[in-house]
C-alpha atoms as a PDB file:
ATOM      1  CA  MET A   1      13.897 166.704 195.731  1.00  0.00           C
ATOM      2  CA  ASN A   2      15.198 167.207 199.274  1.00  0.00           C
ATOM      3  CA  ARG A   3      18.602 166.491 200.492  1.00  0.00           C
ATOM      4  CA  SER A   4      17.731 163.031 201.976  1.00  0.00           C
ATOM      5  CA  ASP A   5      16.331 161.662 198.796  1.00  0.00           C
ATOM      6  CA  MET A   6      19.473 162.853 196.882  1.00  0.00           C
ATOM      7  CA  GLU A   7      21.729 160.870 199.405  1.00  0.00           C
ATOM      8  CA  LYS A   8      19.851 157.786 198.882  1.00  0.00           C
ATOM      9  CA  ARG A   9      19.985 158.002 195.052  1.00  0.00           C
ATOM     10  CA  LEU A  10      23.636 158.408 195.258  1.00  0.00           C
ATOM     11  CA  GLN A  11      24.224 155.580 197.541  1.00  0.00           C
ATOM     12  CA  SER A  12      22.278 153.295 195.042  1.00  0.00           C
ATOM     13  CA  LEU A  13      24.452 154.654 192.088  1.00  0.00           C
ATOM     14  CA  ASN A  14      26.510 151.280 191.773  1.00  0.00           C
ATOM     15  CA  THR A  15      23.352 149.296 191.422  1.00  0.00           C
ATOM     16  CA  THR A  16      21.791 151.728 188.907  1.00  0.00           C
ATOM     17  CA  ALA A  17      25.170 151.726 186.871  1.00  0.00           C
ATOM     18  CA  ASP A  18      25.260 147.928 186.801  1.00  0.00           C
ATOM     19  CA  GLN A  19      21.736 147.635 185.566  1.00  0.00           C
ATOM     20  CA  ALA A  20      22.523 150.462 183.026  1.00  0.00           C
ATOM     21  CA  LEU A  21      25.739 148.416 181.779  1.00  0.00           C
ATOM     22  CA  SER A  22      24.031 145.152 181.680  1.00  0.00           C
ATOM     23  CA  GLY A  23      24.413 143.287 178.420  1.00  0.00           C
ATOM     24  CA  LEU A  24      26.665 146.011 176.841  1.00  0.00           C
ATOM     25  CA  GLU A  25      29.715 144.936 174.727  1.00  0.00           C
ATOM     26  CA  ALA A  26      32.726 147.324 174.375  1.00  0.00           C
ATOM     27  CA  ASP A  27      32.856 147.307 170.576  1.00  0.00           C
ATOM     28  CA  ARG A  28      32.960 150.024 167.863  1.00  0.00           C
ATOM     29  CA  ARG A  29      29.045 150.273 167.779  1.00  0.00           C
ATOM     30  CA  LEU A  30      29.005 150.903 171.561  1.00  0.00           C
ATOM     31  CA  LEU A  31      31.617 153.644 171.150  1.00  0.00           C
ATOM     32  CA  LEU A  32      29.482 155.317 168.537  1.00  0.00           C
ATOM     33  CA  ARG A  33      26.431 155.028 170.612  1.00  0.00           C
ATOM     34  CA  ILE A  34      28.293 156.696 173.711  1.00  0.00           C
ATOM     35  CA  GLU A  35      29.595 159.400 171.301  1.00  0.00           C
ATOM     36  CA  LYS A  36      26.024 160.118 170.188  1.00  0.00           C
ATOM     37  CA  ALA A  37      24.945 160.234 173.748  1.00  0.00           C
ATOM     38  CA  ALA A  38      27.353 162.613 174.713  1.00  0.00           C
ATOM     39  CA  LYS A  39      26.719 165.003 171.930  1.00  0.00           C
ATOM     40  CA  GLU A  40      22.983 164.850 172.831  1.00  0.00           C
ATOM     41  CA  GLN A  41      23.852 165.733 176.427  1.00  0.00           C
ATOM     42  CA  THR A  42      25.771 168.809 175.395  1.00  0.00           C
ATOM     43  CA  ALA A  43      23.215 170.067 172.950  1.00  0.00           C
ATOM     44  CA  PRO A  44      21.050 173.171 174.293  1.00  0.00           C
ATOM     45  CA  ARG A  45      17.975 171.933 175.935  1.00  0.00           C
ATOM     46  CA  PRO A  46      15.161 173.854 177.663  1.00  0.00           C
ATOM     47  CA  VAL A  47      15.946 174.250 181.491  1.00  0.00           C
ATOM     48  CA  ARG A  48      14.025 171.664 183.454  1.00  0.00           C
ATOM     49  CA  ARG A  49      14.296 169.704 186.598  1.00  0.00           C
ATOM     50  CA  MET A  50      16.144 166.399 185.900  1.00  0.00           C
ATOM     51  CA  SER A  51      17.385 163.498 187.921  1.00  0.00           C
ATOM     52  CA  TRP A  52      21.253 163.173 188.538  1.00  0.00           C
ATOM     53  CA  ALA A  53      21.351 159.479 188.671  1.00  0.00           C
ATOM     54  CA  PRO A  54      20.952 158.793 184.880  1.00  0.00           C
ATOM     55  CA  VAL A  55      23.632 161.503 184.113  1.00  0.00           C
ATOM     56  CA  LEU A  56      26.039 160.094 186.519  1.00  0.00           C
ATOM     57  CA  ALA A  57      25.479 156.467 185.110  1.00  0.00           C
ATOM     58  CA  CYS A  58      26.170 157.793 181.703  1.00  0.00           C
ATOM     59  CA  ALA A  59      29.403 159.567 182.801  1.00  0.00           C
ATOM     60  CA  MET A  60      30.667 156.278 184.353  1.00  0.00           C
ATOM     61  CA  MET A  61      29.626 154.379 181.266  1.00  0.00           C
ATOM     62  CA  LEU A  62      31.772 156.830 179.164  1.00  0.00           C
ATOM     63  CA  MET A  63      34.819 156.437 181.668  1.00  0.00           C
ATOM     64  CA  LEU A  64      34.690 152.570 181.533  1.00  0.00           C
ATOM     65  CA  CYS A  65      34.001 152.091 177.827  1.00  0.00           C
ATOM     66  CA  LEU A  66      35.855 154.793 175.840  1.00  0.00           C
ATOM     67  CA  PRO A  67      39.324 153.610 176.307  1.00  0.00           C
ATOM     68  CA  VAL A  68      38.401 150.169 175.140  1.00  0.00           C
ATOM     69  CA  GLY A  69      36.580 151.405 172.226  1.00  0.00           C
ATOM     70  CA  LEU A  70      39.452 153.499 171.116  1.00  0.00           C
ATOM     71  CA  ARG A  71      41.924 150.653 171.422  1.00  0.00           C
ATOM     72  CA  ALA A  72      39.700 148.558 169.166  1.00  0.00           C
ATOM     73  CA  MET A  73      39.624 151.389 166.622  1.00  0.00           C
ATOM     74  CA  ARG A  74      43.339 151.755 166.520  1.00  0.00           C
ATOM     75  CA  LYS A  75      44.143 148.021 166.358  1.00  0.00           C
ATOM     76  CA  PRO A  76      44.847 147.019 162.792  1.00  0.00           C
ATOM     77  CA  GLN A  77      42.965 144.018 161.258  1.00  0.00           C
ATOM     78  CA  GLU A  78      44.988 140.986 160.829  1.00  0.00           C
ATOM     79  CA  GLN A  79      45.059 139.362 157.325  1.00  0.00           C
ATOM     80  CA  LEU A  80      45.035 135.719 157.802  1.00  0.00           C
ATOM     81  CA  ILE A  81      44.683 134.365 154.236  1.00  0.00           C
ATOM     82  CA  THR A  82      45.947 136.098 151.045  1.00  0.00           C
ATOM     83  CA  ALA A  83      43.976 134.475 148.081  1.00  0.00           C
ATOM     84  CA  GLN A  84      42.632 135.442 144.917  1.00  0.00           C
ATOM     85  CA  SER A  85      39.155 134.691 144.182  1.00  0.00           C
ATOM     86  CA  ALA A  86      38.132 132.518 141.398  1.00  0.00           C
ATOM     87  CA  GLY A  87      35.583 135.181 140.144  1.00  0.00           C
ATOM     88  CA  SER A  88      36.513 138.024 137.730  1.00  0.00           C
ATOM     89  CA  THR A  89      36.794 140.869 140.249  1.00  0.00           C
ATOM     90  CA  PRO A  90      39.910 142.576 139.702  1.00  0.00           C
ATOM     91  CA  VAL A  91      42.507 142.511 142.721  1.00  0.00           C
ATOM     92  CA  THR A  92      44.579 145.567 143.480  1.00  0.00           C
ATOM     93  CA  ASN A  93      47.894 145.582 145.281  1.00  0.00           C
ATOM     94  CA  GLU A  94      49.503 143.049 142.956  1.00  0.00           C
ATOM     95  CA  LEU A  95      52.390 140.855 144.361  1.00  0.00           C
ATOM     96  CA  ALA A  96      54.323 139.573 141.415  1.00  0.00           C
ATOM     97  CA  LEU A  97      56.970 137.060 141.966  1.00  0.00           C
ATOM     98  CA  ASN A  98      59.131 137.243 138.963  1.00  0.00           C
ATOM     99  CA  LEU A  99      61.499 134.411 137.912  1.00  0.00           C
ATOM    100  CA  PRO A 100      65.118 135.110 136.988  1.00  0.00           C
ATOM    101  CA  GLY A 101      65.527 135.612 133.190  1.00  0.00           C
ATOM    102  CA  ASP A 102      61.782 134.987 132.414  1.00  0.00           C
ATOM    103  CA  SER A 103      58.426 136.852 132.620  1.00  0.00           C
ATOM    104  CA  LEU A 104      56.434 133.979 134.335  1.00  0.00           C
ATOM    105  CA  SER A 105      55.013 134.954 137.693  1.00  0.00           C
ATOM    106  CA  ILE A 106      52.546 133.634 140.103  1.00  0.00           C
ATOM    107  CA  GLY A 107      50.563 136.648 141.686  1.00  0.00           C
ATOM    108  CA  ARG A 108      47.558 138.960 141.790  1.00  0.00           C
ATOM    109  CA  SER A 109      46.708 139.647 138.084  1.00  0.00           C
ATOM    110  CA  GLY A 110      42.865 139.577 138.785  1.00  0.00           C
ATOM    111  CA  GLY A 111      40.299 137.116 137.430  1.00  0.00           C
ATOM    112  CA  THR A 112      40.543 133.366 137.228  1.00  0.00           C
ATOM    113  CA  PRO A 113      43.961 132.087 135.798  1.00  0.00           C
ATOM    114  CA  ASP A 114      43.960 130.550 132.367  1.00  0.00           C
ATOM    115  CA  TYR A 115      45.659 127.370 131.665  1.00  0.00           C
ATOM    116  CA  ARG A 116      49.332 127.546 131.208  1.00  0.00           C
ATOM    117  CA  SER A 117      52.127 124.976 131.069  1.00  0.00           C
ATOM    118  CA  ILE A 118      55.792 125.373 131.693  1.00  0.00           C
ATOM    119  CA  TRP A 119      56.872 121.868 130.473  1.00  0.00           C
ATOM    120  CA  ALA A 120      58.794 122.116 127.185  1.00  0.00           C
ATOM    121  CA  ASP A 121      57.401 120.181 124.245  1.00  0.00           C
ATOM    122  CA  GLY A 122      59.430 118.720 121.285  1.00  0.00           C
ATOM    123  CA  SER A 123      58.995 116.561 118.050  1.00  0.00           C
ATOM    124  CA  GLY A 124      58.368 113.110 119.410  1.00  0.00           C
ATOM    125  CA  THR A 125      59.452 112.728 122.792  1.00  0.00           C
ATOM    126  CA  TYR A 126      59.771 115.854 125.100  1.00  0.00           C
ATOM    127  CA  PRO A 127      63.261 117.040 126.012  1.00  0.00           C
ATOM    128  CA  LEU A 128      64.417 115.164 129.012  1.00  0.00           C
ATOM    129  CA  VAL A 129      67.342 113.899 131.153  1.00  0.00           C
ATOM    130  CA  GLY A 130      67.314 110.413 132.609  1.00  0.00           C
ATOM    131  CA  VAL A 131      69.626 109.767 135.623  1.00  0.00           C
ATOM    132  CA  ASN A 132      69.841 106.088 136.448  1.00  0.00           C
ATOM    133  CA  GLY A 133      65.969 105.578 136.094  1.00  0.00           C
ATOM    134  CA  ARG A 134      64.775 108.805 137.286  1.00  0.00           C
ATOM    135  CA  TYR A 135      63.446 111.217 134.513  1.00  0.00           C
ATOM    136  CA  TYR A 136      63.308 114.786 134.458  1.00  0.00           C
ATOM    137  CA  ARG A 137      61.284 116.905 131.807  1.00  0.00           C
ATOM    138  CA  MET A 138      62.835 120.390 130.669  1.00  0.00           C
ATOM    139  CA  LEU A 139      60.947 123.474 131.674  1.00  0.00           C
ATOM    140  CA  THR A 140      60.358 126.435 129.528  1.00  0.00           C
ATOM    141  CA  THR A 141      61.293 128.786 132.298  1.00  0.00           C
ATOM    142  CA  PRO A 142      63.790 130.109 133.322  1.00  0.00           C
ATOM    143  CA  SER A 143      65.236 130.387 130.055  1.00  0.00           C
ATOM    144  CA  SER A 144      68.791 130.623 131.703  1.00  0.00           C
ATOM    145  CA  LEU A 145      69.192 129.031 135.106  1.00  0.00           C
ATOM    146  CA  SER A 146      71.422 130.908 137.636  1.00  0.00           C
ATOM    147  CA  SER A 147      74.454 128.961 138.843  1.00  0.00           C
ATOM    148  CA  ALA A 148      73.403 130.168 142.349  1.00  0.00           C
ATOM    149  CA  VAL A 149      70.736 127.367 142.708  1.00  0.00           C
ATOM    150  CA  LEU A 150      72.893 124.556 141.461  1.00  0.00           C
ATOM    151  CA  GLY A 151      74.036 121.723 143.862  1.00  0.00           C
ATOM    152  CA  GLU A 152      76.254 118.661 143.461  1.00  0.00           C
ATOM    153  CA  SER A 153      77.211 117.086 140.128  1.00  0.00           C
ATOM    154  CA  LEU A 154      75.363 113.871 139.326  1.00  0.00           C
ATOM    155  CA  GLY A 155      77.580 112.908 136.441  1.00  0.00           C
ATOM    156  CA  THR A 156      77.637 113.403 132.650  1.00  0.00           C
ATOM    157  CA  VAL A 157      75.514 112.246 129.864  1.00  0.00           C
ATOM    158  CA  SER A 158      76.921 109.073 128.539  1.00  0.00           C
ATOM    159  CA  GLU A 159      74.074 108.477 126.118  1.00  0.00           C
ATOM    160  CA  PHE A 160      72.675 111.089 123.653  1.00  0.00           C
ATOM    161  CA  THR A 161      69.587 109.351 121.997  1.00  0.00           C
ATOM    162  CA  THR A 162      66.491 110.537 119.994  1.00  0.00           C
ATOM    163  CA  GLU A 163      64.705 107.381 121.412  1.00  0.00           C
ATOM    164  CA  PRO A 164      65.225 107.403 125.343  1.00  0.00           C
ATOM    165  CA  SER A 165      62.371 104.921 125.627  1.00  0.00           C
ATOM    166  CA  LEU A 166      64.667 102.407 123.831  1.00  0.00           C
ATOM    167  CA  SER A 167      67.662 102.975 126.165  1.00  0.00           C
ATOM    168  CA  ASP A 168      68.844 101.290 129.254  1.00  0.00           C
ATOM    169  CA  SER A 169      67.492 103.021 132.347  1.00  0.00           C
ATOM    170  CA  ASP A 170      70.659 102.743 134.426  1.00  0.00           C
ATOM    171  CA  VAL A 171      72.734 105.405 132.771  1.00  0.00           C
ATOM    172  CA  ILE A 172      72.649 109.151 132.389  1.00  0.00           C
ATOM    173  CA  LEU A 173      70.898 109.970 129.044  1.00  0.00           C
ATOM    174  CA  SER A 174      69.358 112.862 127.289  1.00  0.00           C
ATOM    175  CA  ASN A 175      67.500 113.821 124.010  1.00  0.00           C
ATOM    176  CA  ALA A 176      68.449 117.485 124.831  1.00  0.00           C
ATOM    177  CA  ALA A 177      71.758 117.797 126.521  1.00  0.00           C
ATOM    178  CA  SER A 178      74.574 116.568 124.356  1.00  0.00           C
ATOM    179  CA  PHE A 179      76.976 113.694 125.041  1.00  0.00           C
ATOM    180  CA  GLY A 180      79.400 114.628 127.973  1.00  0.00           C
ATOM    181  CA  THR A 181      77.224 117.536 129.329  1.00  0.00           C
ATOM    182  CA  GLU A 182      77.456 117.622 133.096  1.00  0.00           C
ATOM    183  CA  ILE A 183      74.075 116.975 135.128  1.00  0.00           C
ATOM    184  CA  PHE A 184      73.694 119.087 138.384  1.00  0.00           C
ATOM    185  CA  ALA A 185      71.123 118.693 141.190  1.00  0.00           C
ATOM    186  CA  VAL A 186      69.361 121.794 142.229  1.00  0.00           C
ATOM    187  CA  ARG A 187      70.398 122.479 145.652  1.00  0.00           C
ATOM    188  CA  GLY A 188      68.300 120.493 148.254  1.00  0.00           C
ATOM    189  CA  MET A 189      66.125 118.748 145.781  1.00  0.00           C
ATOM    190  CA  LYS A 190      68.031 116.561 143.449  1.00  0.00           C
ATOM    191  CA  ASN A 191      65.147 113.957 143.251  1.00  0.00           C
ATOM    192  CA  THR A 192      62.804 116.932 142.018  1.00  0.00           C
ATOM    193  CA  LEU A 193      64.786 119.082 139.784  1.00  0.00           C
ATOM    194  CA  VAL A 194      68.021 118.919 137.980  1.00  0.00           C
ATOM    195  CA  ALA A 195      69.885 121.247 135.476  1.00  0.00           C
ATOM    196  CA  ALA A 196      72.051 120.789 132.364  1.00  0.00           C
ATOM    197  CA  GLU A 197      73.246 122.978 129.583  1.00  0.00           C
ATOM    198  CA  VAL A 198      71.159 122.889 126.586  1.00  0.00           C
ATOM    199  CA  ASN A 199      72.219 124.838 123.277  1.00  0.00           C
ATOM    200  CA  GLY A 200      74.546 127.120 125.633  1.00  0.00           C
ATOM    201  CA  SER A 201      72.163 127.844 128.398  1.00  0.00           C
ATOM    202  CA  MET A 202      71.761 126.181 131.658  1.00  0.00           C
ATOM    203  CA  ARG A 203      68.062 124.711 131.829  1.00  0.00           C
ATOM    204  CA  LEU A 204      65.907 123.397 134.468  1.00  0.00           C
ATOM    205  CA  PHE A 205      64.336 119.711 134.383  1.00  0.00           C
ATOM    206  CA  GLN A 206      61.579 118.543 136.556  1.00  0.00           C
ATOM    207  CA  ARG A 207      61.043 114.897 137.867  1.00  0.00           C
ATOM    208  CA  VAL A 208      58.224 113.221 135.769  1.00  0.00           C
ATOM    209  CA  SER A 209      56.924 109.875 134.745  1.00  0.00           C
ATOM    210  CA  PHE A 210      58.380 108.437 131.582  1.00  0.00           C
ATOM    211  CA  ASN A 211      57.707 105.282 129.683  1.00  0.00           C
ATOM    212  CA  GLY A 212      56.199 103.697 132.666  1.00  0.00           C
ATOM    213  CA  ASN A 213      58.825 104.696 135.027  1.00  0.00           C
ATOM    214  CA  ALA A 214      57.883 106.862 138.106  1.00  0.00           C
ATOM    215  CA  LEU A 215      58.780 106.039 141.554  1.00  0.00           C
ATOM    216  CA  ARG A 216      62.070 104.072 142.135  1.00  0.00           C
ATOM    217  CA  GLY A 217      62.103 101.559 145.129  1.00  0.00           C
ATOM    218  CA  SER A 218      60.524 102.785 148.391  1.00  0.00           C
ATOM    219  CA  GLU A 219      60.126 106.439 147.144  1.00  0.00           C
ATOM    220  CA  SER A 220      57.044 108.429 148.231  1.00  0.00           C
ATOM    221  CA  PHE A 221      55.250 111.547 146.747  1.00  0.00           C
ATOM    222  CA  GLU A 222      57.368 113.726 149.021  1.00  0.00           C
ATOM    223  CA  ASP A 223      60.546 112.163 147.636  1.00  0.00           C
ATOM    224  CA  THR A 224      59.843 113.094 144.172  1.00  0.00           C
ATOM    225  CA  MET A 225      58.543 116.676 145.159  1.00  0.00           C
ATOM    226  CA  GLN A 226      61.051 118.024 147.813  1.00  0.00           C
ATOM    227  CA  ILE A 227      59.436 121.392 148.219  1.00  0.00           C
ATOM    228  CA  SER A 228      57.633 121.126 151.645  1.00  0.00           C
ATOM    229  CA  GLY A 229      58.107 124.321 153.531  1.00  0.00           C
ATOM    230  CA  ARG A 230      59.604 126.050 150.495  1.00  0.00           C
ATOM    231  CA  ILE A 231      56.445 127.180 148.544  1.00  0.00           C
ATOM    232  CA  ARG A 232      55.550 130.844 148.507  1.00  0.00           C
ATOM    233  CA  ALA A 233      52.613 130.908 145.833  1.00  0.00           C
ATOM    234  CA  MET A 234      50.192 128.439 144.003  1.00  0.00           C
ATOM    235  CA  GLU A 235      48.209 129.014 140.900  1.00  0.00           C
ATOM    236  CA  MET A 236      45.423 126.415 139.733  1.00  0.00           C
ATOM    237  CA  SER A 237      44.101 127.201 136.263  1.00  0.00           C
ATOM    238  CA  GLY A 238      40.455 127.702 136.268  1.00  0.00           C
ATOM    239  CA  VAL A 239      40.330 128.093 139.979  1.00  0.00           C
ATOM    240  CA  GLY A 240      42.552 130.696 141.359  1.00  0.00           C
ATOM    241  CA  THR A 241      45.775 131.804 143.011  1.00  0.00           C
ATOM    242  CA  ILE A 242      47.043 131.850 146.511  1.00  0.00           C
ATOM    243  CA  THR A 243      50.042 133.911 147.546  1.00  0.00           C
ATOM    244  CA  ASP A 244      49.969 133.283 151.281  1.00  0.00           C
ATOM    245  CA  ALA A 245      53.084 131.241 151.778  1.00  0.00           C
ATOM    246  CA  SER A 246      52.033 129.607 155.097  1.00  0.00           C
ATOM    247  CA  LEU A 247      48.606 128.558 153.555  1.00  0.00           C
ATOM    248  CA  CYS A 248      50.313 127.407 150.394  1.00  0.00           C
ATOM    249  CA  ASN A 249      52.584 125.067 152.533  1.00  0.00           C
ATOM    250  CA  GLU A 250      49.698 123.851 154.741  1.00  0.00           C
ATOM    251  CA  LEU A 251      47.790 122.938 151.516  1.00  0.00           C
ATOM    252  CA  PHE A 252      50.744 121.120 150.003  1.00  0.00           C
ATOM    253  CA  SER A 253      50.912 119.109 153.351  1.00  0.00           C
ATOM    254  CA  LEU A 254      47.532 117.720 152.420  1.00  0.00           C
ATOM    255  CA  ILE A 255      49.115 115.921 149.323  1.00  0.00           C
ATOM    256  CA  VAL A 256      52.048 114.756 151.335  1.00  0.00           C
ATOM    257  CA  ASP A 257      49.842 113.129 154.030  1.00  0.00           C
ATOM    258  CA  CYS A 258      46.792 112.187 152.025  1.00  0.00           C
ATOM    259  CA  ALA A 259      47.569 111.565 148.506  1.00  0.00           C
ATOM    260  CA  SER A 260      47.215 107.929 147.267  1.00  0.00           C
ATOM    261  CA  TYR A 261      49.328 106.448 144.440  1.00  0.00           C
ATOM    262  CA  GLU A 262      47.297 105.727 141.392  1.00  0.00           C
ATOM    263  CA  SER A 263      49.723 104.942 138.527  1.00  0.00           C
ATOM    264  CA  SER A 264      52.933 105.509 136.955  1.00  0.00           C
ATOM    265  CA  GLY A 265      51.295 107.419 134.080  1.00  0.00           C
ATOM    266  CA  SER A 266      50.070 110.916 133.951  1.00  0.00           C
ATOM    267  CA  VAL A 267      46.631 112.688 133.535  1.00  0.00           C
ATOM    268  CA  SER A 268      45.862 114.579 130.379  1.00  0.00           C
ATOM    269  CA  GLY A 269      43.768 117.847 130.414  1.00  0.00           C
ATOM    270  CA  LYS A 270      43.963 121.545 130.262  1.00  0.00           C
ATOM    271  CA  ARG A 271      44.418 122.237 134.005  1.00  0.00           C
ATOM    272  CA  SER A 272      47.627 122.798 135.757  1.00  0.00           C
ATOM    273  CA  LEU A 273      48.997 123.602 139.356  1.00  0.00           C
ATOM    274  CA  LEU A 274      52.064 125.842 139.243  1.00  0.00           C
ATOM    275  CA  ILE A 275      53.852 125.959 142.525  1.00  0.00           C
ATOM    276  CA  GLU A 276      56.527 128.910 143.039  1.00  0.00           C
ATOM    277  CA  LEU A 277      59.369 128.082 145.378  1.00  0.00           C
ATOM    278  CA  ASP A 278      61.373 130.289 147.564  1.00  0.00           C
ATOM    279  CA  ASN A 279      64.440 130.072 145.379  1.00  0.00           C
ATOM    280  CA  GLY A 280      62.319 131.828 142.501  1.00  0.00           C
ATOM    281  CA  LEU A 281      61.784 128.378 140.556  1.00  0.00           C
ATOM    282  CA  VAL A 282      58.300 127.137 139.528  1.00  0.00           C
ATOM    283  CA  VAL A 283      57.327 123.558 139.293  1.00  0.00           C
ATOM    284  CA  GLN A 284      54.082 122.251 137.759  1.00  0.00           C
ATOM    285  CA  MET A 285      51.642 119.382 138.378  1.00  0.00           C
ATOM    286  CA  SER A 286      48.798 118.442 135.937  1.00  0.00           C
ATOM    287  CA  VAL A 287      45.267 118.327 137.437  1.00  0.00           C
ATOM    288  CA  LYS A 288      42.247 116.394 136.444  1.00  0.00           C
ATOM    289  CA  ASP A 289      39.246 115.829 138.650  1.00  0.00           C
ATOM    290  CA  ASP A 290      40.756 114.693 142.007  1.00  0.00           C
ATOM    291  CA  ASN A 291      44.034 113.596 140.449  1.00  0.00           C
ATOM    292  CA  LEU A 292      47.451 115.257 140.206  1.00  0.00           C
ATOM    293  CA  SER A 293      50.423 114.153 138.247  1.00  0.00           C
ATOM    294  CA  ALA A 294      53.936 114.839 137.648  1.00  0.00           C
ATOM    295  CA  CYS A 295      56.021 111.836 138.641  1.00  0.00           C
ATOM    296  CA  GLY A 296      53.038 109.338 138.726  1.00  0.00           C
ATOM    297  CA  THR A 297      49.388 110.168 139.260  1.00  0.00           C
ATOM    298  CA  TRP A 298      48.142 110.791 142.732  1.00  0.00           C
ATOM    299  CA  ASN A 299      44.641 111.006 144.062  1.00  0.00           C
ATOM    300  CA  CYS A 300      43.918 113.579 146.494  1.00  0.00           C
ATOM    301  CA  PRO A 301      40.589 115.207 146.767  1.00  0.00           C
ATOM    302  CA  GLU A 302      41.339 116.795 150.143  1.00  0.00           C
ATOM    303  CA  PHE A 303      43.961 118.999 148.455  1.00  0.00           C
ATOM    304  CA  ILE A 304      41.545 120.100 145.464  1.00  0.00           C
ATOM    305  CA  GLU A 305      38.619 120.894 147.911  1.00  0.00           C
ATOM    306  CA  ALA A 306      40.731 122.701 150.288  1.00  0.00           C
ATOM    307  CA  PHE A 307      42.257 124.812 147.464  1.00  0.00           C
ATOM    308  CA  GLU A 308      39.021 125.742 145.853  1.00  0.00           C
ATOM    309  CA  ALA A 309      37.537 126.593 149.405  1.00  0.00           C
ATOM    310  CA  ALA A 310      40.755 128.950 150.123  1.00  0.00           C
ATOM    311  CA  VAL A 311      40.017 130.941 146.974  1.00  0.00           C
ATOM    312  CA  GLN A 312      36.309 131.481 147.661  1.00  0.00           C
END
């Protein structure tokens, strides 16, 4: 090749490089191809006459793409959703959120969670507190509630009865907390959770339906479950567990926005939705088909479908 031909080749280098780089995307696969090409270029080869244009084009490709590829390799992958599949594959890196004074946790234990209920049972009527027509069922956990979560006093038990269904609703009554026991709201959620001393320990009670009583006046679902923005984990038995707080709160907003009130009763069955809050407490709803219940029964297929999709 004479000097004139070499000069012409060098003048057309930009066009040659553009054609060589056409359709290339600076990703990890391109970086590996470049590294392989570079190694092949440095490997011993028989001496032969060769064109300089492809070599120069390859060098330009390396200079343009190598920094981009290296940045892509160093950039950590973002984890958008932290969820446990409904399958049986074990999940490592367990995030267990323990409750004070109790072993219950919502976290990564592997597999599909079995049914578990935290509502206390009793002989006859379950242990409850009634506060002027709003009824709260005792929870099994925590076994002793910290005073740090207590809010205002709602009054004292004026009627202790083993048959609360026969009592006037406009009083503070209980079949678990003795006469004169002070009833406290849980800070920020008095229409959802209250506390009272039972057998020497401060116990937690959750708002529920009782004897045909659920909503009072113009109450909505959110009035009876005042937990929006405070959720850090959810567990639905037979489906899976989600420990991404932002995702949990987005899912709960579907119930707030989309749920329709079905009745003042409750659903029966062996499925539960456990919801852990940012204060370490856990509340519960029963689940059957597209319905959820605690204080009344609410139909919300949007939530059920979105929850199931999130753990796939």
